[in-house]
Each structure stands twice: as structure tokens, then as C-alpha cells.
C-alpha atoms as a PDB file:
ATOM      1  CA  UNK A   1      85.405  98.385 106.369  1.00  0.00           C
ATOM      2  CA  UNK A   2      83.056  96.827 103.833  1.00  0.00           C
ATOM      3  CA  UNK A   3      79.334  96.755 104.521  1.00  0.00           C
ATOM      4  CA  UNK A   4      77.457  93.450 104.675  1.00  0.00           C
ATOM      5  CA  UNK A   5      73.891  92.821 103.555  1.00  0.00           C
ATOM      6  CA  UNK A   6      71.435  91.666 106.210  1.00  0.00           C
ATOM      7  CA  UNK A   7      71.150  88.129 104.835  1.00  0.00           C
ATOM      8  CA  UNK A   8      74.939  87.668 104.947  1.00  0.00           C
ATOM      9  CA  UNK A   9      75.393  88.829 108.517  1.00  0.00           C
ATOM     10  CA  UNK A  10      76.889  86.090 110.698  1.00  0.00           C
ATOM     11  CA  UNK A  11      75.316  85.035 113.944  1.00  0.00           C
ATOM     12  CA  UNK A  12      74.555  86.357 116.471  1.00  0.00           C
ATOM     13  CA  UNK A  13      74.229  89.647 114.551  1.00  0.00           C
ATOM     14  CA  UNK A  14      71.375  88.354 112.383  1.00  0.00           C
ATOM     15  CA  UNK A  15      69.433  87.561 115.551  1.00  0.00           C
ATOM     16  CA  UNK A  16      70.013  91.088 116.809  1.00  0.00           C
ATOM     17  CA  UNK A  17      68.308  92.700 113.772  1.00  0.00           C
ATOM     18  CA  UNK A  18      65.313  90.350 113.774  1.00  0.00           C
ATOM     19  CA  UNK A  19      62.379  92.717 114.378  1.00  0.00           C
ATOM     20  CA  UNK A  20      59.985  89.878 115.132  1.00  0.00           C
ATOM     21  CA  UNK A  21      61.788  89.115 118.413  1.00  0.00           C
ATOM     22  CA  UNK A  22      62.927  91.403 121.230  1.00  0.00           C
ATOM     23  CA  UNK A  23      66.608  92.209 121.562  1.00  0.00           C
ATOM     24  CA  UNK A  24      68.540  89.363 123.221  1.00  0.00           C
ATOM     25  CA  UNK A  25      69.558  89.827 126.828  1.00  0.00           C
ATOM     26  CA  UNK A  26      72.830  91.717 127.147  1.00  0.00           C
ATOM     27  CA  UNK A  27      72.508  93.491 123.774  1.00  0.00           C
ATOM     28  CA  UNK A  28      72.420  97.286 123.876  1.00  0.00           C
ATOM     29  CA  UNK A  29      70.991  99.454 121.079  1.00  0.00           C
ATOM     30  CA  UNK A  30      72.160 103.010 120.436  1.00  0.00           C
ATOM     31  CA  UNK A  31      69.420 104.047 117.972  1.00  0.00           C
ATOM     32  CA  UNK A  32      69.882 106.199 114.915  1.00  0.00           C
ATOM     33  CA  UNK A  33      68.126 109.520 114.772  1.00  0.00           C
ATOM     34  CA  UNK A  34      64.825 109.632 112.891  1.00  0.00           C
ATOM     35  CA  UNK A  35      64.047 113.059 111.437  1.00  0.00           C
ATOM     36  CA  UNK A  36      61.542 112.736 108.610  1.00  0.00           C
ATOM     37  CA  UNK A  37      61.251 116.510 108.216  1.00  0.00           C
ATOM     38  CA  UNK A  38      64.881 116.963 107.155  1.00  0.00           C
ATOM     39  CA  UNK A  39      64.647 114.130 104.645  1.00  0.00           C
ATOM     40  CA  UNK A  40      61.418 115.552 103.194  1.00  0.00           C
ATOM     41  CA  UNK A  41      62.941 119.025 102.802  1.00  0.00           C
ATOM     42  CA  UNK A  42      66.103 117.535 101.276  1.00  0.00           C
ATOM     43  CA  UNK A  43      64.089 115.432  98.837  1.00  0.00           C
ATOM     44  CA  UNK A  44      61.868 118.338  97.775  1.00  0.00           C
ATOM     45  CA  UNK A  45      64.692 120.887  97.618  1.00  0.00           C
ATOM     46  CA  UNK A  46      67.768 119.077  96.350  1.00  0.00           C
ATOM     47  CA  UNK A  47      65.886 116.262  94.614  1.00  0.00           C
ATOM     48  CA  UNK A  48      63.445 118.685  93.013  1.00  0.00           C
ATOM     49  CA  UNK A  49      66.278 120.864  91.738  1.00  0.00           C
ATOM     50  CA  UNK A  50      68.224 118.002  90.128  1.00  0.00           C
ATOM     51  CA  UNK A  51      65.068 116.299  88.869  1.00  0.00           C
ATOM     52  CA  UNK A  52      63.809 119.569  87.411  1.00  0.00           C
ATOM     53  CA  UNK A  53      67.120 120.096  85.627  1.00  0.00           C
ATOM     54  CA  UNK A  54      66.844 116.597  84.122  1.00  0.00           C
ATOM     55  CA  UNK A  55      63.278 117.264  82.918  1.00  0.00           C
ATOM     56  CA  UNK A  56      64.257 120.666  81.506  1.00  0.00           C
ATOM     57  CA  UNK A  57      67.207 119.207  79.573  1.00  0.00           C
ATOM     58  CA  UNK A  58      65.021 116.371  78.298  1.00  0.00           C
ATOM     59  CA  UNK A  59      62.317 118.757  77.060  1.00  0.00           C
ATOM     60  CA  UNK A  60      64.602 121.402  75.550  1.00  0.00           C
ATOM     61  CA  UNK A  61      67.210 119.175  73.899  1.00  0.00           C
ATOM     62  CA  UNK A  62      64.754 116.440  72.808  1.00  0.00           C
ATOM     63  CA  UNK A  63      67.152 113.466  72.877  1.00  0.00           C
ATOM     64  CA  UNK A  64      64.627 111.283  71.043  1.00  0.00           C
ATOM     65  CA  UNK A  65      65.305 113.315  67.915  1.00  0.00           C
ATOM     66  CA  UNK A  66      68.984 112.325  67.791  1.00  0.00           C
ATOM     67  CA  UNK A  67      69.864 109.861  65.045  1.00  0.00           C
ATOM     68  CA  UNK A  68      72.901 107.602  65.720  1.00  0.00           C
ATOM     69  CA  UNK A  69      73.604 107.335  61.988  1.00  0.00           C
ATOM     70  CA  UNK A  70      73.489 111.088  61.462  1.00  0.00           C
ATOM     71  CA  UNK A  71      74.750 112.482  64.780  1.00  0.00           C
ATOM     72  CA  UNK A  72      76.839 109.583  66.038  1.00  0.00           C
ATOM     73  CA  UNK A  73      76.698 107.926  69.458  1.00  0.00           C
ATOM     74  CA  UNK A  74      78.797 110.531  71.287  1.00  0.00           C
ATOM     75  CA  UNK A  75      76.032 113.143  71.894  1.00  0.00           C
ATOM     76  CA  UNK A  76      73.564 110.382  72.769  1.00  0.00           C
ATOM     77  CA  UNK A  77      75.920 108.867  75.350  1.00  0.00           C
ATOM     78  CA  UNK A  78      76.806 112.269  76.809  1.00  0.00           C
ATOM     79  CA  UNK A  79      73.174 113.327  77.138  1.00  0.00           C
ATOM     80  CA  UNK A  80      72.153 109.928  78.479  1.00  0.00           C
ATOM     81  CA  UNK A  81      74.892 109.993  81.109  1.00  0.00           C
ATOM     82  CA  UNK A  82      73.947 113.534  82.129  1.00  0.00           C
ATOM     83  CA  UNK A  83      70.231 112.684  82.430  1.00  0.00           C
ATOM     84  CA  UNK A  84      71.059 109.506  84.366  1.00  0.00           C
ATOM     85  CA  UNK A  85      73.296 111.387  86.804  1.00  0.00           C
ATOM     86  CA  UNK A  86      70.739 114.150  87.389  1.00  0.00           C
ATOM     87  CA  UNK A  87      67.807 111.745  87.665  1.00  0.00           C
ATOM     88  CA  UNK A  88      69.570 109.461  90.127  1.00  0.00           C
ATOM     89  CA  UNK A  89      69.731 112.198  92.782  1.00  0.00           C
ATOM     90  CA  UNK A  90      65.963 112.376  93.517  1.00  0.00           C
ATOM     91  CA  UNK A  91      65.749 108.572  93.307  1.00  0.00           C
ATOM     92  CA  UNK A  92      68.454 108.142  95.954  1.00  0.00           C
ATOM     93  CA  UNK A  93      66.925 110.840  98.160  1.00  0.00           C
ATOM     94  CA  UNK A  94      63.508 109.196  97.840  1.00  0.00           C
ATOM     95  CA  UNK A  95      65.065 105.875  98.859  1.00  0.00           C
ATOM     96  CA  UNK A  96      66.557 107.558 101.919  1.00  0.00           C
ATOM     97  CA  UNK A  97      63.189 109.137 102.790  1.00  0.00           C
ATOM     98  CA  UNK A  98      61.409 105.788 102.518  1.00  0.00           C
ATOM     99  CA  UNK A  99      63.969 104.175 104.810  1.00  0.00           C
ATOM    100  CA  UNK A 100      63.571 107.006 107.330  1.00  0.00           C
ATOM    101  CA  UNK A 101      59.780 106.535 107.295  1.00  0.00           C
ATOM    102  CA  UNK A 102      60.299 102.822 107.914  1.00  0.00           C
ATOM    103  CA  UNK A 103      62.665 103.600 110.793  1.00  0.00           C
ATOM    104  CA  UNK A 104      60.076 105.926 112.357  1.00  0.00           C
ATOM    105  CA  UNK A 105      57.454 103.193 112.136  1.00  0.00           C
ATOM    106  CA  UNK A 106      59.862 100.709 113.755  1.00  0.00           C
ATOM    107  CA  UNK A 107      60.684 103.231 116.467  1.00  0.00           C
ATOM    108  CA  UNK A 108      57.019 103.649 117.346  1.00  0.00           C
ATOM    109  CA  UNK A 109      56.567  99.864 117.497  1.00  0.00           C
ATOM    110  CA  UNK A 110      59.714  99.435 119.546  1.00  0.00           C
ATOM    111  CA  UNK A 111      61.339  97.247 116.874  1.00  0.00           C
ATOM    112  CA  UNK A 112      63.981  99.634 115.553  1.00  0.00           C
ATOM    113  CA  UNK A 113      67.218  97.799 114.751  1.00  0.00           C
ATOM    114  CA  UNK A 114      69.185 100.629 113.153  1.00  0.00           C
ATOM    115  CA  UNK A 115      72.073 102.386 114.830  1.00  0.00           C
ATOM    116  CA  UNK A 116      74.856 100.757 116.825  1.00  0.00           C
ATOM    117  CA  UNK A 117      74.179  97.470 118.589  1.00  0.00           C
ATOM    118  CA  UNK A 118      76.581  96.155 121.238  1.00  0.00           C
ATOM    119  CA  UNK A 119      76.584  92.663 122.677  1.00  0.00           C
ATOM    120  CA  UNK A 120      79.020  90.330 124.423  1.00  0.00           C
ATOM    121  CA  UNK A 121      80.277  89.061 121.062  1.00  0.00           C
ATOM    122  CA  UNK A 122      80.946  92.451 119.474  1.00  0.00           C
ATOM    123  CA  UNK A 123      79.454  95.520 117.843  1.00  0.00           C
ATOM    124  CA  UNK A 124      77.200  95.961 114.809  1.00  0.00           C
ATOM    125  CA  UNK A 125      77.138  99.357 113.094  1.00  0.00           C
ATOM    126  CA  UNK A 126      73.931  99.346 111.028  1.00  0.00           C
ATOM    127  CA  UNK A 127      72.696 102.830 110.211  1.00  0.00           C
ATOM    128  CA  UNK A 128      70.319 101.550 107.543  1.00  0.00           C
ATOM    129  CA  UNK A 129      69.165  98.169 106.197  1.00  0.00           C
ATOM    130  CA  UNK A 130      71.726  96.093 104.273  1.00  0.00           C
ATOM    131  CA  UNK A 131      74.588  98.271 105.437  1.00  0.00           C
ATOM    132  CA  UNK A 132      75.898  96.508 108.533  1.00  0.00           C
ATOM    133  CA  UNK A 133      79.519  96.403 109.686  1.00  0.00           C
ATOM    134  CA  UNK A 134      80.520  93.884 112.327  1.00  0.00           C
ATOM    135  CA  UNK A 135      83.274  94.604 114.850  1.00  0.00           C
ATOM    136  CA  UNK A 136      84.599  91.989 117.274  1.00  0.00           C
ATOM    137  CA  UNK A 137      84.748  93.116 120.904  1.00  0.00           C
ATOM    138  CA  UNK A 138      88.548  92.866 121.037  1.00  0.00           C
ATOM    139  CA  UNK A 139      88.955  94.866 117.798  1.00  0.00           C
ATOM    140  CA  UNK A 140      87.082  97.970 118.948  1.00  0.00           C
ATOM    141  CA  UNK A 141      89.368 100.904 119.794  1.00  0.00           C
ATOM    142  CA  UNK A 142      87.088 103.871 120.411  1.00  0.00           C
ATOM    143  CA  UNK A 143      84.927 106.584 118.849  1.00  0.00           C
ATOM    144  CA  UNK A 144      85.645 110.221 118.073  1.00  0.00           C
ATOM    145  CA  UNK A 145      84.254 113.195 116.200  1.00  0.00           C
ATOM    146  CA  UNK A 146      85.883 114.732 113.148  1.00  0.00           C
ATOM    147  CA  UNK A 147      86.462 117.622 113.230  1.00  0.00           C
ATOM    148  CA  UNK A 148      86.721 117.570 117.054  1.00  0.00           C
ATOM    149  CA  UNK A 149      84.462 119.804 119.095  1.00  0.00           C
ATOM    150  CA  UNK A 150      87.513 121.767 120.260  1.00  0.00           C
ATOM    151  CA  UNK A 151      88.366 122.829 116.716  1.00  0.00           C
ATOM    152  CA  UNK A 152      87.024 125.895 114.925  1.00  0.00           C
ATOM    153  CA  UNK A 153      86.488 123.963 111.718  1.00  0.00           C
ATOM    154  CA  UNK A 154      83.020 124.472 110.223  1.00  0.00           C
ATOM    155  CA  UNK A 155      82.778 121.218 108.284  1.00  0.00           C
ATOM    156  CA  UNK A 156      79.867 118.911 108.976  1.00  0.00           C
ATOM    157  CA  UNK A 157      81.002 116.593 111.744  1.00  0.00           C
ATOM    158  CA  UNK A 158      81.335 112.877 111.221  1.00  0.00           C
ATOM    159  CA  UNK A 159      81.441 110.191 113.874  1.00  0.00           C
ATOM    160  CA  UNK A 160      84.401 107.844 113.442  1.00  0.00           C
ATOM    161  CA  UNK A 161      84.261 104.367 115.011  1.00  0.00           C
ATOM    162  CA  UNK A 162      87.883 103.265 115.200  1.00  0.00           C
ATOM    163  CA  UNK A 163      88.798  99.582 115.042  1.00  0.00           C
ATOM    164  CA  UNK A 164      92.001  97.625 114.497  1.00  0.00           C
ATOM    165  CA  UNK A 165      90.629  96.599 111.096  1.00  0.00           C
ATOM    166  CA  UNK A 166      89.754 100.074 109.826  1.00  0.00           C
ATOM    167  CA  UNK A 167      87.348 102.908 110.582  1.00  0.00           C
ATOM    168  CA  UNK A 168      83.599 103.251 110.138  1.00  0.00           C
ATOM    169  CA  UNK A 169      82.416 106.799 109.435  1.00  0.00           C
ATOM    170  CA  UNK A 170      79.024 108.457 109.106  1.00  0.00           C
ATOM    171  CA  UNK A 171      77.537 111.875 109.819  1.00  0.00           C
ATOM    172  CA  UNK A 172      77.380 112.396 113.588  1.00  0.00           C
ATOM    173  CA  UNK A 173      73.828 113.759 113.396  1.00  0.00           C
ATOM    174  CA  UNK A 174      72.578 110.317 112.287  1.00  0.00           C
ATOM    175  CA  UNK A 175      73.212 108.724 115.713  1.00  0.00           C
ATOM    176  CA  UNK A 176      71.325 109.651 118.870  1.00  0.00           C
ATOM    177  CA  UNK A 177      74.516 109.652 121.002  1.00  0.00           C
ATOM    178  CA  UNK A 178      78.072 110.826 120.514  1.00  0.00           C
ATOM    179  CA  UNK A 179      81.445 109.227 121.255  1.00  0.00           C
ATOM    180  CA  UNK A 180      80.889 109.451 125.006  1.00  0.00           C
ATOM    181  CA  UNK A 181      77.618 107.507 124.756  1.00  0.00           C
ATOM    182  CA  UNK A 182      79.335 104.803 122.696  1.00  0.00           C
ATOM    183  CA  UNK A 183      82.147 104.538 125.240  1.00  0.00           C
ATOM    184  CA  UNK A 184      79.710 104.290 128.142  1.00  0.00           C
ATOM    185  CA  UNK A 185      77.816 101.514 126.389  1.00  0.00           C
ATOM    186  CA  UNK A 186      81.086  99.710 125.599  1.00  0.00           C
ATOM    187  CA  UNK A 187      82.150  99.826 129.261  1.00  0.00           C
ATOM    188  CA  UNK A 188      78.744  98.519 130.272  1.00  0.00           C
ATOM    189  CA  UNK A 189      78.721  95.616 127.815  1.00  0.00           C
ATOM    190  CA  UNK A 190      82.468  94.853 127.924  1.00  0.00           C
ATOM    191  CA  UNK A 191      83.739  95.544 131.467  1.00  0.00           C
ATOM    192  CA  UNK A 192      87.330  94.848 130.410  1.00  0.00           C
ATOM    193  CA  UNK A 193      87.323  97.517 127.690  1.00  0.00           C
ATOM    194  CA  UNK A 194      89.299 100.675 128.420  1.00  0.00           C
ATOM    195  CA  UNK A 195      89.042 104.008 126.652  1.00  0.00           C
ATOM    196  CA  UNK A 196      92.218 104.969 124.751  1.00  0.00           C
ATOM    197  CA  UNK A 197      94.454 107.372 126.694  1.00  0.00           C
ATOM    198  CA  UNK A 198      94.622 110.981 125.502  1.00  0.00           C
ATOM    199  CA  UNK A 199      96.981 111.491 122.601  1.00  0.00           C
ATOM    200  CA  UNK A 200      98.327 114.873 123.704  1.00  0.00           C
ATOM    201  CA  UNK A 201     100.151 115.599 126.940  1.00  0.00           C
ATOM    202  CA  UNK A 202      98.961 118.638 128.839  1.00  0.00           C
ATOM    203  CA  UNK A 203     102.526 119.816 129.552  1.00  0.00           C
ATOM    204  CA  UNK A 204     103.541 119.808 125.878  1.00  0.00           C
ATOM    205  CA  UNK A 205     105.464 122.748 124.457  1.00  0.00           C
ATOM    206  CA  UNK A 206     104.125 124.769 121.539  1.00  0.00           C
ATOM    207  CA  UNK A 207     106.571 125.997 118.936  1.00  0.00           C
ATOM    208  CA  UNK A 208     106.378 127.532 115.480  1.00  0.00           C
ATOM    209  CA  UNK A 209     107.812 125.475 112.628  1.00  0.00           C
ATOM    210  CA  UNK A 210     109.772 128.237 110.916  1.00  0.00           C
ATOM    211  CA  UNK A 211     111.440 125.804 108.498  1.00  0.00           C
ATOM    212  CA  UNK A 212     108.155 124.693 106.901  1.00  0.00           C
ATOM    213  CA  UNK A 213     106.893 128.264 106.741  1.00  0.00           C
ATOM    214  CA  UNK A 214     110.101 129.449 105.103  1.00  0.00           C
ATOM    215  CA  UNK A 215     110.050 126.713 102.447  1.00  0.00           C
ATOM    216  CA  UNK A 216     106.416 127.325 101.545  1.00  0.00           C
ATOM    217  CA  UNK A 217     106.956 131.083 101.412  1.00  0.00           C
ATOM    218  CA  UNK A 218     109.936 130.592  99.099  1.00  0.00           C
ATOM    219  CA  UNK A 219     107.850 128.402  96.782  1.00  0.00           C
ATOM    220  CA  UNK A 220     105.082 131.032  96.823  1.00  0.00           C
ATOM    221  CA  UNK A 221     107.512 133.876  96.081  1.00  0.00           C
ATOM    222  CA  UNK A 222     108.921 131.983  93.094  1.00  0.00           C
ATOM    223  CA  UNK A 223     105.405 131.427  91.728  1.00  0.00           C
ATOM    224  CA  UNK A 224     104.364 135.070  92.177  1.00  0.00           C
ATOM    225  CA  UNK A 225     107.660 136.342  90.748  1.00  0.00           C
ATOM    226  CA  UNK A 226     107.345 134.131  87.678  1.00  0.00           C
ATOM    227  CA  UNK A 227     103.789 135.399  87.091  1.00  0.00           C
ATOM    228  CA  UNK A 228     105.001 139.001  87.276  1.00  0.00           C
ATOM    229  CA  UNK A 229     107.737 138.247  84.745  1.00  0.00           C
ATOM    230  CA  UNK A 230     105.168 136.720  82.372  1.00  0.00           C
ATOM    231  CA  UNK A 231     102.823 139.706  82.657  1.00  0.00           C
ATOM    232  CA  UNK A 232     105.611 142.266  82.212  1.00  0.00           C
ATOM    233  CA  UNK A 233     107.069 140.396  79.239  1.00  0.00           C
ATOM    234  CA  UNK A 234     103.627 140.083  77.629  1.00  0.00           C
ATOM    235  CA  UNK A 235     103.158 143.823  78.073  1.00  0.00           C
ATOM    236  CA  UNK A 236     106.482 144.412  76.364  1.00  0.00           C
ATOM    237  CA  UNK A 237     105.503 142.203  73.426  1.00  0.00           C
ATOM    238  CA  UNK A 238     102.212 144.084  73.011  1.00  0.00           C
ATOM    239  CA  UNK A 239     103.817 147.538  73.270  1.00  0.00           C
ATOM    240  CA  UNK A 240     106.636 146.800  70.807  1.00  0.00           C
ATOM    241  CA  UNK A 241     104.268 145.297  68.255  1.00  0.00           C
ATOM    242  CA  UNK A 242     106.318 144.779  65.096  1.00  0.00           C
ATOM    243  CA  UNK A 243     109.241 142.490  64.504  1.00  0.00           C
ATOM    244  CA  UNK A 244     112.401 143.464  66.391  1.00  0.00           C
ATOM    245  CA  UNK A 245     115.192 142.024  68.479  1.00  0.00           C
ATOM    246  CA  UNK A 246     113.627 143.413  71.680  1.00  0.00           C
ATOM    247  CA  UNK A 247     110.346 141.643  70.920  1.00  0.00           C
ATOM    248  CA  UNK A 248     112.217 138.367  70.530  1.00  0.00           C
ATOM    249  CA  UNK A 249     113.798 138.841  73.945  1.00  0.00           C
ATOM    250  CA  UNK A 250     110.437 139.645  75.518  1.00  0.00           C
ATOM    251  CA  UNK A 251     108.909 136.558  73.850  1.00  0.00           C
ATOM    252  CA  UNK A 252     111.710 134.416  75.253  1.00  0.00           C
ATOM    253  CA  UNK A 253     111.068 135.914  78.696  1.00  0.00           C
ATOM    254  CA  UNK A 254     107.383 134.960  78.388  1.00  0.00           C
ATOM    255  CA  UNK A 255     108.321 131.379  77.512  1.00  0.00           C
ATOM    256  CA  UNK A 256     110.871 131.139  80.303  1.00  0.00           C
ATOM    257  CA  UNK A 257     108.414 132.660  82.804  1.00  0.00           C
ATOM    258  CA  UNK A 258     105.710 130.159  81.858  1.00  0.00           C
ATOM    259  CA  UNK A 259     108.168 127.298  82.391  1.00  0.00           C
ATOM    260  CA  UNK A 260     109.059 128.656  85.838  1.00  0.00           C
ATOM    261  CA  UNK A 261     105.353 129.135  86.677  1.00  0.00           C
ATOM    262  CA  UNK A 262     104.602 125.500  85.789  1.00  0.00           C
ATOM    263  CA  UNK A 263     107.575 124.269  87.804  1.00  0.00           C
ATOM    264  CA  UNK A 264     106.697 126.443  90.808  1.00  0.00           C
ATOM    265  CA  UNK A 265     103.090 125.184  90.790  1.00  0.00           C
ATOM    266  CA  UNK A 266     104.315 121.581  90.816  1.00  0.00           C
ATOM    267  CA  UNK A 267     106.788 122.423  93.590  1.00  0.00           C
ATOM    268  CA  UNK A 268     104.125 124.180  95.672  1.00  0.00           C
ATOM    269  CA  UNK A 269     101.642 121.304  95.383  1.00  0.00           C
ATOM    270  CA  UNK A 270     104.404 118.808  96.179  1.00  0.00           C
ATOM    271  CA  UNK A 271     105.328 120.656  99.370  1.00  0.00           C
ATOM    272  CA  UNK A 272     101.696 120.826 100.470  1.00  0.00           C
ATOM    273  CA  UNK A 273     101.262 117.118  99.707  1.00  0.00           C
ATOM    274  CA  UNK A 274     104.467 116.213 101.571  1.00  0.00           C
ATOM    275  CA  UNK A 275     103.316 118.289 104.539  1.00  0.00           C
ATOM    276  CA  UNK A 276     100.236 116.086 104.962  1.00  0.00           C
ATOM    277  CA  UNK A 277     101.675 112.647 104.214  1.00  0.00           C
ATOM    278  CA  UNK A 278     105.327 112.781 105.268  1.00  0.00           C
ATOM    279  CA  UNK A 279     105.773 115.604 107.759  1.00  0.00           C
ATOM    280  CA  UNK A 280     108.773 115.159 110.056  1.00  0.00           C
ATOM    281  CA  UNK A 281     109.586 116.709 113.414  1.00  0.00           C
ATOM    282  CA  UNK A 282     112.016 119.626 112.861  1.00  0.00           C
ATOM    283  CA  UNK A 283     114.046 118.573 115.933  1.00  0.00           C
ATOM    284  CA  UNK A 284     114.291 114.765 115.968  1.00  0.00           C
ATOM    285  CA  UNK A 285     113.022 113.822 112.515  1.00  0.00           C
ATOM    286  CA  UNK A 286     110.353 111.454 113.910  1.00  0.00           C
ATOM    287  CA  UNK A 287     106.926 111.100 112.291  1.00  0.00           C
ATOM    288  CA  UNK A 288     104.531 113.246 114.380  1.00  0.00           C
ATOM    289  CA  UNK A 289     100.745 112.957 114.510  1.00  0.00           C
ATOM    290  CA  UNK A 290      98.246 115.497 113.234  1.00  0.00           C
ATOM    291  CA  UNK A 291      96.385 117.531 115.868  1.00  0.00           C
ATOM    292  CA  UNK A 292      92.872 117.843 114.490  1.00  0.00           C
ATOM    293  CA  UNK A 293      91.742 119.831 117.543  1.00  0.00           C
ATOM    294  CA  UNK A 294      93.684 122.766 116.064  1.00  0.00           C
ATOM    295  CA  UNK A 295      91.696 122.800 112.803  1.00  0.00           C
ATOM    296  CA  UNK A 296      91.592 124.796 110.594  1.00  0.00           C
ATOM    297  CA  UNK A 297      95.215 125.445 111.667  1.00  0.00           C
ATOM    298  CA  UNK A 298      97.666 122.722 110.664  1.00  0.00           C
ATOM    299  CA  UNK A 299      99.488 121.480 113.776  1.00  0.00           C
ATOM    300  CA  UNK A 300     101.519 118.331 114.480  1.00  0.00           C
ATOM    301  CA  UNK A 301     102.533 116.712 117.755  1.00  0.00           C
ATOM    302  CA  UNK A 302     105.829 114.892 118.310  1.00  0.00           C
ATOM    303  CA  UNK A 303     105.610 112.432 121.195  1.00  0.00           C
ATOM    304  CA  UNK A 304     109.386 112.048 121.455  1.00  0.00           C
ATOM    305  CA  UNK A 305     109.998 115.800 121.863  1.00  0.00           C
ATOM    306  CA  UNK A 306     106.613 116.536 123.496  1.00  0.00           C
ATOM    307  CA  UNK A 307     106.256 119.523 121.169  1.00  0.00           C
ATOM    308  CA  UNK A 308     103.225 120.786 119.270  1.00  0.00           C
ATOM    309  CA  UNK A 309     104.468 122.266 116.009  1.00  0.00           C
ATOM    310  CA  UNK A 310     102.518 125.138 114.431  1.00  0.00           C
ATOM    311  CA  UNK A 311     103.159 125.148 110.675  1.00  0.00           C
ATOM    312  CA  UNK A 312     101.443 128.495 110.210  1.00  0.00           C
ATOM    313  CA  UNK A 313      99.101 127.032 107.579  1.00  0.00           C
ATOM    314  CA  UNK A 314      95.324 126.746 107.519  1.00  0.00           C
ATOM    315  CA  UNK A 315      93.080 124.258 105.752  1.00  0.00           C
ATOM    316  CA  UNK A 316      90.614 125.773 103.298  1.00  0.00           C
ATOM    317  CA  UNK A 317      88.227 122.798 103.565  1.00  0.00           C
ATOM    318  CA  UNK A 318      86.636 124.261 106.705  1.00  0.00           C
ATOM    319  CA  UNK A 319      84.800 126.736 104.479  1.00  0.00           C
ATOM    320  CA  UNK A 320      82.816 123.967 102.739  1.00  0.00           C
END
């Protein structure tokens, strides 16, 4: 969903964020968290590191000494882009710190209008000024954490507000409540709203997807085997040295092995890509849903068969 600036917010949402007046009756605010200390440390640490790198490059490389006629525009553009990218980091972090200080001042005055606001007409997700997203009451589906609390994934959790028009995501630590608090507020403001039923059935069967494992192992074996052929053939070329018929055969083996390596890499990435975007149930062929509670393990759930399929794979992103 696209964010909307404060001046373009439709009514009644513009009235909700007016700090000069109290919140209208029936409007509930779930405030954002205000932690100035974290923003200060982030600005001094991360911003200081990137800003210091920009200053160091500027002093050591002396871009003012470059002459477009002598050196051309390429080094000037490259250095300018690098300095701009490095210098923008502390500027953006300073902007975030200033907004957090403003939010703390509003919180003390009781005029904070950042977070999630719910009213009879709908929901406004506004974690910072000029970044609001409006959701009609009948378009709200629910809220969830990603990765779920049940998973062993170590990625930083985000809070996902699901709607029929798309999702709104932000780091979960930025809101004072979690999905349960949002659901409780939604039930309070919209009595007719019902929380989505659980996706997984408790009596589901759990089975290993041996077909997917076998195909990925075959692709991996081809890749490893081709690499071994390349290394052995290269060793033969080096040992033989001079011109000979055997060296020609070893050189051909190197070429053929490199072709197989390239093809096996493409095949392996294709199978991993297909696993995420077009996985099918091994029994009925239906399109199952991903079970994120199993992260970092890659599991899928088929509603038709009531089976949770374990592909035997793990995501590496949980290490980030």
C-alpha cells in the first residue's frame, strides 16, 4: 500500500491526527514506541561510521582536484555517487532521531498521533509524519508477526497488517502492542469484525517430501561432480605441460565440465526458485501454503490433503 502525506489524508483521518484537538470519540490510538536512546546510539554508531567514511574519502581522494577535461566525468560521477550514498545515511538517521524526539514531546503532552489509529470509519497506520496508510473497516483482515513467535528464525520481526488491498509492514518493535493488541482494539471498535480462523488444522499429518529432496540432491550431485571433473582435468593439463594429445583431451574435459557446472548452477537455482513460487502438493497437485511457523525449515501445508510437507530444506536468511 502506498503512503499518503498528512495534507492529502481524507477525512476523517485528517481530524484524527490534528494535535490541537483531542481524539474524536470512538477513535482508539495504539501508540508507537518512543525510544530516543536507541535512535541516538544508531545515529552515533552507524551514522558516524558512514559519515566518517565519506569524510575520509573526501579528504584522501580530494575530488576537487579532478579535472573533467583531463580525467573525464566518469571518476567524478563515481566519487560523487559514493559520497552521496555514504553521506545520506547519517542524514536519514538524524531525520529519524528528530522525529523520535518530536514523538516523545507529543507523548508527554498527550498529543501523540503516531502509531495505529482505529475509528468507526477505518484504520490509519501512521508510524511517522507524512507516512499514513488508510484502511477501510471492511478491508481489514488481521495482523501477524513475521517470522512468527513459534518459529526458530532469528530475523528481526516485522508486524504485518493484512488487508484485502495489500499488506502494511514495519518492524514490530516500533509499535507498543502486537497482533493481539490490534485484534482486541479492532473487536472493540468494530464489533462485527472477526479474527481470521487458524490456517493449520491441529489434526494435520506431517510427511517428508522425498520427491523434492531427491530432485535437489540430484541437482547438487551434478554440480559437485562437474566441479570435480574440472579440477581433475585442470590438474591433468598442468601435469602434462607440453603439447600432446592427452593434454587436448584434458582441455576438452575442462571445457565440458565448465559447461556442465554452469548448467547445473542454473538448474539448482531454478529448482529453488520453483520451490518458493510454484510448489505443488506431492499427492494431489494442489497449491499449498507456506508454513512460516516452521522457519527456518521450509514446510508447506495442503488443505485438501490436510498434510504438512517437510521439504528437508532450511532458509539461510535466518542468520542475518
